[in-house]
C-alpha cells in the first residue's frame, strides 16, 4: 500500500483529497496520508480532512510515500515538484474512475485527472499536468509540463500547449493551433491563432491582454 501525500492544503488541495477517493486504486493500492503545507492551521474549522504533516521544506519522504502537487498555478507547482524530487520523493498519477483516457495517450507523472476529463488518441501529456472536471483534449494534442486545464476547457486535435501554461474555465484552443509556454488563456476565450510564449490572451477570438 502506498501513502499519498498532497502538496497544498488550500482550496484545490481540499478538492484533490476528495477527488483521490474516487480514483483508480484508492483503498487497494493507496490511501491518503495527509497534506504538506507551510500554514499549519490551513484546515482549521473546514471539516474532517487528512492531517497537515508540515511544510515541504522539512518533510523527509518515506519509502512508501507518493506525491501529487495540488497547487492552482503552474509556476509554484513546478517549484514544489522540484523540491520533492530533490529529496528523492516519487510522484503518482491520480486518475478518477470517471475520466476517459485513450489507450494510446502518452502520460507523464504527477498528473491529476478529475472526473469526466477526456484525453483522446495519440496525445502526449507532460509531467505535473492537471485536468479539472470535464476538461477535453482532442487527438494528437501535445501538452507540456506543469500545465493546468480548468473545468470545461478544450483543446482540438493537433493543438499544442507549451509548458507552464493554463487554460481557464471554458477556454478553447481550436485544432492545429499552438499556445506557447507560460501563457494564460482567459475564461471563455477561443484561441484561433498562435500565441507566443509568456502571453495572456482573452476574448472571442482571443487577443493579447496588456497590463
N, C-alpha and C. Protein backbone atom coordinates (compact mmCIF):
# COMPACT_ATOMS: atom_id res chain seq x y z
N UNK A 1 0.85 -1.20 0.00
CA UNK A 1 0.00 0.00 0.00
C UNK A 1 0.88 1.25 0.00
N UNK A 2 0.63 2.16 -0.95
CA UNK A 2 1.31 3.43 -0.99
C UNK A 2 0.51 4.46 -0.19
N UNK A 3 1.22 5.49 0.29
CA UNK A 3 0.59 6.52 1.11
C UNK A 3 0.69 7.86 0.37
N UNK A 4 -0.44 8.37 -0.06
CA UNK A 4 -0.50 9.59 -0.85
C UNK A 4 -0.33 10.82 0.02
N UNK A 5 0.57 11.70 -0.40
CA UNK A 5 0.74 12.99 0.25
C UNK A 5 0.42 14.08 -0.78
N UNK A 6 -0.47 14.97 -0.39
CA UNK A 6 -0.92 16.04 -1.28
C UNK A 6 -0.20 17.31 -0.89
N UNK A 7 0.53 17.89 -1.82
CA UNK A 7 1.24 19.14 -1.57
C UNK A 7 0.28 20.28 -1.82
N UNK A 8 -0.08 20.96 -0.73
CA UNK A 8 -1.04 22.06 -0.80
C UNK A 8 -2.34 21.68 -0.12
N UNK A 9 -2.68 22.41 0.95
CA UNK A 9 -3.90 22.12 1.71
C UNK A 9 -4.91 23.25 1.62
N UNK A 10 -4.80 24.06 0.58
CA UNK A 10 -5.75 25.16 0.41
C UNK A 10 -6.93 24.66 -0.43
N UNK A 11 -7.61 25.54 -1.13
CA UNK A 11 -8.84 25.16 -1.82
C UNK A 11 -8.70 23.98 -2.76
N UNK A 12 -7.74 24.06 -3.70
CA UNK A 12 -7.58 22.97 -4.65
C UNK A 12 -7.08 21.71 -3.97
N UNK A 13 -6.23 21.85 -2.97
CA UNK A 13 -5.77 20.68 -2.22
C UNK A 13 -6.91 19.94 -1.55
N UNK A 14 -7.85 20.70 -0.97
CA UNK A 14 -9.01 20.05 -0.34
C UNK A 14 -9.85 19.31 -1.38
N UNK A 15 -10.00 19.92 -2.56
CA UNK A 15 -10.73 19.24 -3.62
C UNK A 15 -10.01 17.96 -4.06
N UNK A 16 -8.69 18.03 -4.15
CA UNK A 16 -7.93 16.86 -4.59
C UNK A 16 -8.03 15.73 -3.58
N UNK A 17 -8.09 16.04 -2.30
CA UNK A 17 -8.22 14.97 -1.30
C UNK A 17 -9.54 14.22 -1.47
N UNK A 18 -10.56 14.93 -1.91
CA UNK A 18 -11.86 14.28 -2.19
C UNK A 18 -11.80 13.54 -3.52
N UNK A 19 -11.22 14.18 -4.53
CA UNK A 19 -11.05 13.56 -5.85
C UNK A 19 -10.33 12.21 -5.71
N UNK A 20 -9.29 12.18 -4.87
CA UNK A 20 -8.47 10.97 -4.74
C UNK A 20 -9.29 9.77 -4.31
N UNK A 21 -10.33 9.98 -3.52
CA UNK A 21 -11.14 8.86 -3.04
C UNK A 21 -11.94 8.21 -4.16
N UNK A 22 -12.07 8.89 -5.30
CA UNK A 22 -12.76 8.32 -6.45
C UNK A 22 -11.82 7.86 -7.54
N UNK A 23 -10.52 7.81 -7.24
CA UNK A 23 -9.53 7.47 -8.26
C UNK A 23 -9.22 5.98 -8.30
N UNK A 24 -8.72 5.55 -9.43
CA UNK A 24 -8.30 4.17 -9.62
C UNK A 24 -7.24 3.82 -8.56
N UNK A 25 -7.46 2.76 -7.82
CA UNK A 25 -6.50 2.28 -6.84
C UNK A 25 -6.73 2.74 -5.42
N UNK A 26 -7.66 3.68 -5.20
CA UNK A 26 -7.86 4.15 -3.83
C UNK A 26 -8.41 3.02 -2.96
N UNK A 27 -7.80 2.83 -1.81
CA UNK A 27 -8.22 1.80 -0.87
C UNK A 27 -7.63 0.44 -1.12
N UNK A 28 -7.09 0.21 -2.32
CA UNK A 28 -6.45 -1.06 -2.63
C UNK A 28 -4.96 -0.91 -2.91
N UNK A 29 -4.60 0.18 -3.59
CA UNK A 29 -3.19 0.42 -3.90
C UNK A 29 -2.63 1.63 -3.15
N UNK A 30 -3.50 2.54 -2.72
CA UNK A 30 -3.02 3.70 -1.95
C UNK A 30 -4.09 4.19 -1.01
N UNK A 31 -3.63 4.85 0.06
CA UNK A 31 -4.51 5.61 0.94
C UNK A 31 -4.01 7.04 0.99
N UNK A 32 -4.65 7.89 1.77
CA UNK A 32 -4.25 9.29 1.87
C UNK A 32 -3.60 9.51 3.23
N UNK A 33 -2.35 9.89 3.22
CA UNK A 33 -1.59 10.10 4.45
C UNK A 33 -1.80 11.50 5.00
N UNK A 34 -1.86 12.49 4.12
CA UNK A 34 -2.03 13.86 4.60
C UNK A 34 -1.54 14.87 3.59
N UNK A 35 -1.43 16.12 4.07
CA UNK A 35 -1.01 17.25 3.25
C UNK A 35 0.36 17.75 3.69
N UNK A 36 1.05 18.41 2.76
CA UNK A 36 2.19 19.25 3.12
C UNK A 36 1.81 20.70 2.84
N UNK A 37 1.98 21.54 3.84
CA UNK A 37 1.62 22.96 3.69
C UNK A 37 2.35 23.73 4.79
N UNK A 38 2.80 24.95 4.45
CA UNK A 38 3.52 25.74 5.45
C UNK A 38 2.59 26.50 6.38
N UNK A 39 1.28 26.39 6.17
CA UNK A 39 0.30 27.02 7.06
C UNK A 39 -0.36 25.91 7.88
N UNK A 40 0.11 25.73 9.09
CA UNK A 40 -0.30 24.59 9.91
C UNK A 40 -1.79 24.59 10.22
N UNK A 41 -2.43 25.76 10.23
CA UNK A 41 -3.85 25.83 10.57
C UNK A 41 -4.73 26.01 9.34
N UNK A 42 -4.23 25.67 8.15
CA UNK A 42 -4.98 25.90 6.91
C UNK A 42 -6.32 25.18 6.86
N UNK A 43 -6.43 24.07 7.60
CA UNK A 43 -7.67 23.29 7.56
C UNK A 43 -8.57 23.50 8.77
N UNK A 44 -8.16 24.36 9.69
CA UNK A 44 -8.93 24.55 10.92
C UNK A 44 -10.35 25.01 10.61
N UNK A 45 -11.32 24.30 11.18
CA UNK A 45 -12.71 24.68 11.04
C UNK A 45 -13.35 24.37 9.70
N UNK A 46 -12.65 23.65 8.83
CA UNK A 46 -13.17 23.41 7.49
C UNK A 46 -13.73 22.01 7.29
N UNK A 47 -13.61 21.14 8.29
CA UNK A 47 -14.16 19.79 8.15
C UNK A 47 -13.14 18.74 8.49
N UNK A 48 -13.53 17.50 8.20
CA UNK A 48 -12.72 16.33 8.56
C UNK A 48 -11.80 15.97 7.40
N UNK A 49 -10.61 16.55 7.39
CA UNK A 49 -9.64 16.32 6.34
C UNK A 49 -8.44 15.55 6.90
N UNK A 50 -7.65 14.93 6.02
CA UNK A 50 -6.39 14.34 6.48
C UNK A 50 -5.50 15.40 7.11
N UNK A 51 -4.54 15.01 7.93
CA UNK A 51 -3.73 15.99 8.68
C UNK A 51 -2.71 16.70 7.80
N UNK A 52 -2.30 17.88 8.25
CA UNK A 52 -1.15 18.57 7.66
C UNK A 52 0.10 18.04 8.34
N UNK A 53 1.02 17.52 7.56
CA UNK A 53 2.21 16.84 8.08
C UNK A 53 3.40 17.77 8.25
N UNK A 54 3.23 19.04 7.85
CA UNK A 54 4.30 20.01 7.91
C UNK A 54 4.55 20.61 6.55
N UNK A 55 5.55 21.47 6.43
CA UNK A 55 5.88 22.08 5.14
C UNK A 55 6.74 21.16 4.28
N UNK A 56 6.74 21.41 2.99
CA UNK A 56 7.58 20.64 2.07
C UNK A 56 9.04 20.70 2.48
N UNK A 57 9.46 21.87 2.93
CA UNK A 57 10.88 22.11 3.19
C UNK A 57 11.45 21.20 4.27
N UNK A 58 10.64 20.76 5.22
CA UNK A 58 11.16 19.95 6.32
C UNK A 58 10.75 18.48 6.25
N UNK A 59 9.83 18.14 5.35
CA UNK A 59 9.35 16.76 5.29
C UNK A 59 10.35 15.87 4.57
N UNK A 60 10.62 14.71 5.15
CA UNK A 60 11.52 13.73 4.55
C UNK A 60 10.68 12.59 3.97
N UNK A 61 10.70 12.40 2.65
CA UNK A 61 9.88 11.33 2.05
C UNK A 61 10.24 9.96 2.60
N UNK A 62 9.19 9.17 2.85
CA UNK A 62 9.36 7.79 3.32
C UNK A 62 9.26 6.84 2.11
N UNK A 63 9.67 5.60 2.34
CA UNK A 63 9.77 4.63 1.25
C UNK A 63 8.44 4.42 0.53
N UNK A 64 7.34 4.41 1.27
CA UNK A 64 6.04 4.12 0.66
C UNK A 64 5.23 5.37 0.34
N UNK A 65 5.81 6.54 0.48
CA UNK A 65 5.12 7.78 0.13
C UNK A 65 5.07 7.98 -1.38
N UNK A 66 3.97 8.52 -1.86
CA UNK A 66 3.86 9.03 -3.22
C UNK A 66 3.19 10.39 -3.14
N UNK A 67 3.48 11.26 -4.11
CA UNK A 67 3.07 12.66 -4.02
C UNK A 67 2.29 13.10 -5.24
N UNK A 68 1.41 14.08 -5.02
CA UNK A 68 0.85 14.91 -6.10
C UNK A 68 0.92 16.36 -5.63
N UNK A 69 0.96 17.28 -6.60
CA UNK A 69 1.03 18.71 -6.30
C UNK A 69 -0.33 19.33 -6.58
N UNK A 70 -1.02 19.76 -5.53
CA UNK A 70 -2.36 20.34 -5.65
C UNK A 70 -2.29 21.85 -5.49
N UNK A 71 -1.57 22.49 -6.41
CA UNK A 71 -1.46 23.94 -6.43
C UNK A 71 -2.06 24.44 -7.75
N UNK A 72 -2.78 25.55 -7.69
CA UNK A 72 -3.55 26.01 -8.84
C UNK A 72 -2.77 26.79 -9.87
N UNK A 73 -1.50 27.09 -9.62
CA UNK A 73 -0.73 27.89 -10.56
C UNK A 73 0.50 27.09 -11.01
N UNK A 74 0.77 27.08 -12.32
CA UNK A 74 1.86 26.25 -12.84
C UNK A 74 3.23 26.55 -12.24
N UNK A 75 3.58 27.82 -12.04
CA UNK A 75 4.90 28.16 -11.54
C UNK A 75 5.20 27.55 -10.19
N UNK A 76 4.40 27.84 -9.15
CA UNK A 76 4.62 27.21 -7.85
C UNK A 76 4.52 25.69 -7.90
N UNK A 77 3.64 25.16 -8.73
CA UNK A 77 3.51 23.71 -8.84
C UNK A 77 4.84 23.08 -9.26
N UNK A 78 5.48 23.66 -10.26
CA UNK A 78 6.74 23.10 -10.73
C UNK A 78 7.87 23.31 -9.72
N UNK A 79 7.81 24.42 -9.00
CA UNK A 79 8.83 24.69 -7.98
C UNK A 79 8.78 23.64 -6.88
N UNK A 80 7.57 23.32 -6.40
CA UNK A 80 7.46 22.33 -5.33
C UNK A 80 7.69 20.91 -5.83
N UNK A 81 7.35 20.66 -7.08
CA UNK A 81 7.69 19.35 -7.65
C UNK A 81 9.20 19.14 -7.64
N UNK A 82 9.94 20.18 -8.00
CA UNK A 82 11.41 20.09 -7.99
C UNK A 82 11.93 19.82 -6.58
N UNK A 83 11.36 20.51 -5.58
CA UNK A 83 11.82 20.32 -4.20
C UNK A 83 11.58 18.88 -3.74
N UNK A 84 10.44 18.32 -4.08
CA UNK A 84 10.16 16.93 -3.70
C UNK A 84 11.11 15.98 -4.41
N UNK A 85 11.33 16.20 -5.69
CA UNK A 85 12.23 15.33 -6.45
C UNK A 85 13.65 15.38 -5.92
N UNK A 86 14.10 16.55 -5.51
CA UNK A 86 15.45 16.67 -4.97
C UNK A 86 15.63 15.88 -3.69
N UNK A 87 14.53 15.62 -2.99
CA UNK A 87 14.59 14.81 -1.77
C UNK A 87 14.39 13.32 -2.06
N UNK A 88 14.23 12.98 -3.32
CA UNK A 88 14.02 11.59 -3.68
C UNK A 88 12.58 11.14 -3.66
N UNK A 89 11.64 12.09 -3.49
CA UNK A 89 10.22 11.73 -3.48
C UNK A 89 9.73 11.29 -4.85
N UNK A 90 8.77 10.38 -4.85
CA UNK A 90 8.22 9.85 -6.09
C UNK A 90 6.78 10.32 -6.27
N UNK A 91 6.42 10.58 -7.51
CA UNK A 91 5.08 11.09 -7.82
C UNK A 91 4.22 10.00 -8.43
N UNK A 92 2.91 10.15 -8.22
CA UNK A 92 1.94 9.22 -8.78
C UNK A 92 0.95 10.00 -9.64
N UNK A 93 0.14 9.28 -10.40
CA UNK A 93 -0.96 9.89 -11.15
C UNK A 93 -2.27 9.59 -10.45
N UNK A 94 -3.07 10.63 -10.22
CA UNK A 94 -4.42 10.45 -9.72
C UNK A 94 -5.37 10.53 -10.91
N UNK A 95 -6.00 9.41 -11.24
CA UNK A 95 -6.90 9.36 -12.39
C UNK A 95 -8.27 8.89 -11.90
N UNK A 96 -9.23 9.78 -11.99
CA UNK A 96 -10.57 9.47 -11.50
C UNK A 96 -11.19 8.34 -12.33
N UNK A 97 -11.99 7.51 -11.68
CA UNK A 97 -12.62 6.39 -12.37
C UNK A 97 -13.55 6.82 -13.49
N UNK A 98 -14.05 8.07 -13.43
CA UNK A 98 -14.95 8.55 -14.47
C UNK A 98 -14.21 9.31 -15.58
N UNK A 99 -12.90 9.41 -15.50
CA UNK A 99 -12.13 10.01 -16.59
C UNK A 99 -12.05 9.03 -17.75
N UNK A 100 -11.88 9.58 -18.97
CA UNK A 100 -11.78 8.75 -20.17
C UNK A 100 -10.43 9.05 -20.82
N UNK A 101 -9.55 8.05 -20.86
CA UNK A 101 -8.21 8.22 -21.42
C UNK A 101 -7.98 7.14 -22.46
N UNK A 102 -7.69 7.56 -23.68
CA UNK A 102 -7.46 6.61 -24.77
C UNK A 102 -6.19 5.80 -24.49
N UNK A 103 -6.19 4.52 -24.82
CA UNK A 103 -5.01 3.69 -24.50
C UNK A 103 -3.74 4.10 -25.23
N UNK A 104 -3.83 4.90 -26.29
CA UNK A 104 -2.61 5.34 -26.99
C UNK A 104 -2.05 6.64 -26.43
N UNK A 105 -2.72 7.25 -25.47
CA UNK A 105 -2.22 8.50 -24.89
C UNK A 105 -0.92 8.24 -24.14
N UNK A 106 0.06 9.13 -24.30
CA UNK A 106 1.32 9.05 -23.57
C UNK A 106 1.24 9.99 -22.37
N UNK A 107 1.30 9.42 -21.18
CA UNK A 107 1.08 10.18 -19.95
C UNK A 107 2.38 10.35 -19.18
N UNK A 108 2.61 11.57 -18.67
CA UNK A 108 3.73 11.82 -17.78
C UNK A 108 3.42 11.37 -16.37
N UNK A 109 4.16 11.91 -15.40
CA UNK A 109 3.95 11.56 -13.99
C UNK A 109 3.43 12.79 -13.25
N UNK A 110 2.84 12.53 -12.09
CA UNK A 110 2.33 13.62 -11.27
C UNK A 110 1.05 14.25 -11.80
N UNK A 111 0.31 13.50 -12.63
CA UNK A 111 -0.92 14.02 -13.21
C UNK A 111 -2.07 13.96 -12.22
N UNK A 112 -2.99 14.92 -12.35
CA UNK A 112 -4.27 14.88 -11.66
C UNK A 112 -5.34 14.98 -12.74
N UNK A 113 -6.18 13.94 -12.85
CA UNK A 113 -7.20 13.87 -13.90
C UNK A 113 -8.55 13.65 -13.22
N UNK A 114 -9.36 14.68 -13.23
CA UNK A 114 -10.63 14.67 -12.50
C UNK A 114 -11.72 13.95 -13.29
N UNK A 115 -12.87 13.78 -12.66
CA UNK A 115 -13.99 13.07 -13.26
C UNK A 115 -14.42 13.70 -14.58
N UNK A 116 -14.73 12.85 -15.55
CA UNK A 116 -15.25 13.22 -16.87
C UNK A 116 -14.25 14.00 -17.72
N UNK A 117 -13.02 14.14 -17.27
CA UNK A 117 -11.99 14.65 -18.18
C UNK A 117 -11.79 13.62 -19.30
N UNK A 118 -11.45 14.10 -20.50
CA UNK A 118 -11.31 13.23 -21.66
C UNK A 118 -10.00 13.53 -22.36
N UNK A 119 -9.17 12.51 -22.52
CA UNK A 119 -7.87 12.63 -23.18
C UNK A 119 -7.87 11.65 -24.35
N UNK A 120 -7.81 12.17 -25.56
CA UNK A 120 -8.08 11.36 -26.75
C UNK A 120 -6.84 10.66 -27.30
N UNK A 121 -6.99 10.11 -28.50
CA UNK A 121 -5.99 9.21 -29.09
C UNK A 121 -4.69 9.92 -29.42
N UNK A 122 -3.57 9.24 -29.11
CA UNK A 122 -2.22 9.65 -29.51
C UNK A 122 -1.83 11.03 -28.99
N UNK A 123 -2.40 11.43 -27.89
CA UNK A 123 -1.99 12.66 -27.23
C UNK A 123 -0.68 12.43 -26.47
N UNK A 124 0.05 13.51 -26.23
CA UNK A 124 1.29 13.45 -25.46
C UNK A 124 1.17 14.45 -24.31
N UNK A 125 1.14 13.92 -23.10
CA UNK A 125 0.90 14.73 -21.91
C UNK A 125 2.17 14.74 -21.07
N UNK A 126 2.66 15.93 -20.72
CA UNK A 126 3.87 16.06 -19.93
C UNK A 126 3.65 15.72 -18.46
N UNK A 127 4.62 16.05 -17.64
CA UNK A 127 4.57 15.79 -16.20
C UNK A 127 3.83 16.90 -15.46
N UNK A 128 3.18 16.54 -14.35
CA UNK A 128 2.56 17.50 -13.43
C UNK A 128 1.48 18.35 -14.10
N UNK A 129 0.74 17.72 -14.99
CA UNK A 129 -0.38 18.40 -15.66
C UNK A 129 -1.67 18.11 -14.89
N UNK A 130 -2.50 19.12 -14.74
CA UNK A 130 -3.78 18.99 -14.04
C UNK A 130 -4.93 19.15 -15.02
N UNK A 131 -5.86 18.18 -14.99
CA UNK A 131 -7.09 18.25 -15.78
C UNK A 131 -8.25 18.32 -14.80
N UNK A 132 -8.88 19.46 -14.71
CA UNK A 132 -10.05 19.55 -13.85
C UNK A 132 -11.25 18.88 -14.52
N UNK A 133 -12.33 18.81 -13.78
CA UNK A 133 -13.54 18.11 -14.24
C UNK A 133 -13.99 18.61 -15.62
N UNK A 134 -14.27 17.67 -16.52
CA UNK A 134 -14.82 17.94 -17.85
C UNK A 134 -13.87 18.62 -18.81
N UNK A 135 -12.57 18.69 -18.50
CA UNK A 135 -11.61 19.18 -19.48
C UNK A 135 -11.48 18.14 -20.60
N UNK A 136 -11.33 18.62 -21.85
CA UNK A 136 -11.30 17.73 -23.01
C UNK A 136 -10.10 18.04 -23.88
N UNK A 137 -9.38 16.98 -24.28
CA UNK A 137 -8.20 17.11 -25.13
C UNK A 137 -8.38 16.22 -26.35
N UNK A 138 -8.31 16.82 -27.55
CA UNK A 138 -8.52 16.07 -28.78
C UNK A 138 -7.31 15.26 -29.20
N UNK A 139 -7.49 14.45 -30.21
CA UNK A 139 -6.46 13.54 -30.70
C UNK A 139 -5.18 14.27 -31.11
N UNK A 140 -4.05 13.66 -30.85
CA UNK A 140 -2.73 14.14 -31.27
C UNK A 140 -2.33 15.48 -30.67
N UNK A 141 -3.06 15.94 -29.67
CA UNK A 141 -2.66 17.17 -28.97
C UNK A 141 -1.42 16.92 -28.12
N UNK A 142 -0.67 17.98 -27.87
CA UNK A 142 0.55 17.90 -27.06
C UNK A 142 0.47 18.93 -25.95
N UNK A 143 0.73 18.50 -24.71
CA UNK A 143 0.65 19.38 -23.54
C UNK A 143 1.97 19.29 -22.78
N UNK A 144 2.60 20.43 -22.51
CA UNK A 144 3.87 20.46 -21.82
C UNK A 144 3.74 20.31 -20.31
N UNK A 145 4.88 20.19 -19.64
CA UNK A 145 4.93 20.01 -18.19
C UNK A 145 4.24 21.15 -17.46
N UNK A 146 3.57 20.80 -16.37
CA UNK A 146 3.07 21.79 -15.43
C UNK A 146 1.81 22.51 -15.83
N UNK A 147 1.19 22.15 -16.94
CA UNK A 147 0.02 22.89 -17.42
C UNK A 147 -1.21 22.64 -16.54
N UNK A 148 -2.15 23.57 -16.63
CA UNK A 148 -3.40 23.49 -15.88
C UNK A 148 -4.55 23.67 -16.86
N UNK A 149 -5.42 22.65 -16.97
CA UNK A 149 -6.60 22.73 -17.81
C UNK A 149 -7.81 22.73 -16.89
N UNK A 150 -8.44 23.88 -16.77
CA UNK A 150 -9.55 24.03 -15.84
C UNK A 150 -10.84 23.44 -16.41
N UNK A 151 -11.88 23.41 -15.59
CA UNK A 151 -13.13 22.74 -15.95
C UNK A 151 -13.70 23.27 -17.26
N UNK A 152 -14.13 22.32 -18.10
CA UNK A 152 -14.78 22.58 -19.39
C UNK A 152 -13.86 23.24 -20.41
N UNK A 153 -12.56 23.25 -20.17
CA UNK A 153 -11.63 23.74 -21.20
C UNK A 153 -11.50 22.68 -22.29
N UNK A 154 -11.01 23.12 -23.47
CA UNK A 154 -10.99 22.23 -24.64
C UNK A 154 -9.78 22.53 -25.49
N UNK A 155 -9.11 21.45 -25.93
CA UNK A 155 -8.05 21.54 -26.92
C UNK A 155 -8.43 20.66 -28.10
N UNK A 156 -8.44 21.23 -29.32
CA UNK A 156 -8.77 20.45 -30.50
C UNK A 156 -7.62 19.56 -30.95
N UNK A 157 -7.90 18.73 -31.93
CA UNK A 157 -6.89 17.82 -32.46
C UNK A 157 -5.66 18.55 -32.96
N UNK A 158 -4.49 18.00 -32.66
CA UNK A 158 -3.19 18.54 -33.05
C UNK A 158 -2.85 19.90 -32.41
N UNK A 159 -3.68 20.40 -31.52
CA UNK A 159 -3.34 21.63 -30.81
C UNK A 159 -2.19 21.36 -29.85
N UNK A 160 -1.44 22.40 -29.50
CA UNK A 160 -0.33 22.25 -28.55
C UNK A 160 -0.40 23.34 -27.49
N UNK A 161 0.01 22.97 -26.29
CA UNK A 161 0.03 23.88 -25.15
C UNK A 161 1.40 23.76 -24.50
N UNK A 162 2.17 24.86 -24.53
CA UNK A 162 3.53 24.85 -24.00
C UNK A 162 3.57 24.71 -22.49
N UNK A 163 4.73 24.35 -21.98
CA UNK A 163 4.86 24.07 -20.55
C UNK A 163 4.54 25.29 -19.70
N UNK A 164 3.92 25.01 -18.54
CA UNK A 164 3.59 26.06 -17.59
C UNK A 164 2.44 26.95 -17.99
N UNK A 165 1.62 26.53 -18.95
CA UNK A 165 0.50 27.35 -19.41
C UNK A 165 -0.81 26.88 -18.80
N UNK A 166 -1.81 27.76 -18.85
CA UNK A 166 -3.09 27.47 -18.22
C UNK A 166 -4.24 27.84 -19.14
N UNK A 167 -5.21 26.93 -19.22
CA UNK A 167 -6.49 27.21 -19.86
C UNK A 167 -7.51 27.41 -18.74
N UNK A 168 -8.05 28.61 -18.64
CA UNK A 168 -9.04 28.88 -17.61
C UNK A 168 -10.37 28.21 -17.97
N UNK A 169 -11.34 28.30 -17.08
CA UNK A 169 -12.62 27.63 -17.26
C UNK A 169 -13.25 27.97 -18.61
N UNK A 170 -13.62 26.95 -19.36
CA UNK A 170 -14.31 27.03 -20.65
C UNK A 170 -13.47 27.65 -21.76
N UNK A 171 -12.16 27.81 -21.55
CA UNK A 171 -11.28 28.29 -22.62
C UNK A 171 -11.12 27.19 -23.67
N UNK A 172 -10.93 27.60 -24.93
CA UNK A 172 -10.81 26.65 -26.03
C UNK A 172 -9.64 27.00 -26.94
N UNK A 173 -8.95 25.97 -27.42
CA UNK A 173 -7.95 26.12 -28.48
C UNK A 173 -8.44 25.31 -29.66
N UNK A 174 -8.63 25.95 -30.81
CA UNK A 174 -9.15 25.21 -31.96
C UNK A 174 -8.06 24.29 -32.52
N UNK A 175 -8.43 23.29 -33.31
CA UNK A 175 -7.46 22.32 -33.82
C UNK A 175 -6.27 22.97 -34.53
N UNK A 176 -5.10 22.36 -34.35
CA UNK A 176 -3.84 22.71 -35.02
C UNK A 176 -3.21 24.02 -34.52
N UNK A 177 -3.77 24.66 -33.51
CA UNK A 177 -3.25 25.94 -33.05
C UNK A 177 -2.29 25.71 -31.88
N UNK A 178 -1.20 26.49 -31.87
CA UNK A 178 -0.18 26.38 -30.84
C UNK A 178 -0.28 27.54 -29.86
N UNK A 179 -0.31 27.20 -28.57
CA UNK A 179 -0.20 28.18 -27.49
C UNK A 179 1.14 27.92 -26.81
N UNK A 180 1.94 28.97 -26.63
CA UNK A 180 3.30 28.82 -26.14
C UNK A 180 3.39 28.51 -24.66
N UNK A 181 4.61 28.60 -24.14
CA UNK A 181 4.89 28.31 -22.73
C UNK A 181 4.57 29.51 -21.85
N UNK A 182 4.19 29.23 -20.61
CA UNK A 182 3.92 30.26 -19.60
C UNK A 182 2.86 31.25 -20.07
N UNK A 183 1.81 30.71 -20.70
CA UNK A 183 0.71 31.53 -21.19
C UNK A 183 -0.54 31.32 -20.33
N UNK A 184 -1.41 32.31 -20.36
CA UNK A 184 -2.73 32.20 -19.73
C UNK A 184 -3.79 32.48 -20.78
N UNK A 185 -4.73 31.56 -20.93
CA UNK A 185 -5.89 31.76 -21.81
C UNK A 185 -7.09 31.98 -20.90
N UNK A 186 -7.65 33.17 -20.95
CA UNK A 186 -8.69 33.57 -20.02
C UNK A 186 -9.98 32.79 -20.16
N UNK A 187 -10.82 32.84 -19.14
CA UNK A 187 -12.06 32.08 -19.08
C UNK A 187 -12.95 32.40 -20.28
N UNK A 188 -13.46 31.35 -20.91
CA UNK A 188 -14.38 31.50 -22.02
C UNK A 188 -13.77 31.94 -23.32
N UNK A 189 -12.45 32.04 -23.39
CA UNK A 189 -11.79 32.52 -24.60
C UNK A 189 -11.69 31.42 -25.65
N UNK A 190 -11.56 31.85 -26.92
CA UNK A 190 -11.38 30.91 -28.02
C UNK A 190 -10.13 31.33 -28.79
N UNK A 191 -9.12 30.46 -28.76
CA UNK A 191 -7.85 30.76 -29.42
C UNK A 191 -7.90 30.22 -30.84
N UNK A 192 -7.74 31.12 -31.83
CA UNK A 192 -7.83 30.72 -33.24
C UNK A 192 -6.51 30.92 -33.98
N UNK A 193 -5.51 31.51 -33.31
CA UNK A 193 -4.20 31.69 -33.95
C UNK A 193 -3.10 31.51 -32.91
N UNK A 194 -1.88 31.37 -33.36
CA UNK A 194 -0.74 31.08 -32.50
C UNK A 194 -0.59 32.13 -31.41
N UNK A 195 -0.25 31.66 -30.20
CA UNK A 195 0.01 32.54 -29.07
C UNK A 195 1.47 32.38 -28.67
N UNK A 196 2.20 33.47 -28.61
CA UNK A 196 3.62 33.43 -28.26
C UNK A 196 3.81 33.14 -26.78
N UNK A 197 5.02 32.70 -26.43
CA UNK A 197 5.36 32.44 -25.03
C UNK A 197 5.10 33.67 -24.16
N UNK A 198 4.77 33.41 -22.88
CA UNK A 198 4.65 34.47 -21.86
C UNK A 198 3.58 35.50 -22.21
N UNK A 199 2.46 35.02 -22.76
CA UNK A 199 1.39 35.91 -23.20
C UNK A 199 0.08 35.54 -22.51
N UNK A 200 -0.70 36.55 -22.14
CA UNK A 200 -2.06 36.36 -21.65
C UNK A 200 -3.02 36.79 -22.75
N UNK A 201 -3.99 35.92 -23.07
CA UNK A 201 -4.98 36.26 -24.08
C UNK A 201 -6.38 36.09 -23.49
N UNK A 202 -7.31 36.83 -24.06
CA UNK A 202 -8.68 36.78 -23.55
C UNK A 202 -9.62 37.22 -24.66
N UNK A 203 -10.79 36.59 -24.69
CA UNK A 203 -11.84 37.02 -25.60
C UNK A 203 -12.16 36.02 -26.69
N UNK A 204 -13.14 36.38 -27.53
CA UNK A 204 -13.58 35.55 -28.65
C UNK A 204 -13.61 36.42 -29.91
N UNK A 205 -12.61 36.29 -30.77
CA UNK A 205 -11.43 35.43 -30.64
C UNK A 205 -10.46 36.00 -29.61
N UNK A 206 -9.60 35.13 -29.08
CA UNK A 206 -8.67 35.56 -28.02
C UNK A 206 -7.63 36.52 -28.57
N UNK A 207 -7.41 37.60 -27.80
CA UNK A 207 -6.39 38.59 -28.17
C UNK A 207 -5.50 38.87 -26.97
N UNK A 208 -4.31 39.33 -27.24
CA UNK A 208 -3.34 39.61 -26.19
C UNK A 208 -3.87 40.68 -25.25
N UNK A 209 -3.67 40.44 -23.96
CA UNK A 209 -4.06 41.39 -22.93
C UNK A 209 -2.82 42.09 -22.41
N UNK A 210 -2.84 43.41 -22.43
CA UNK A 210 -1.72 44.21 -21.91
C UNK A 210 -2.06 44.69 -20.52
N UNK A 211 -1.06 44.59 -19.61
CA UNK A 211 -1.25 45.08 -18.24
C UNK A 211 -0.47 46.35 -18.03
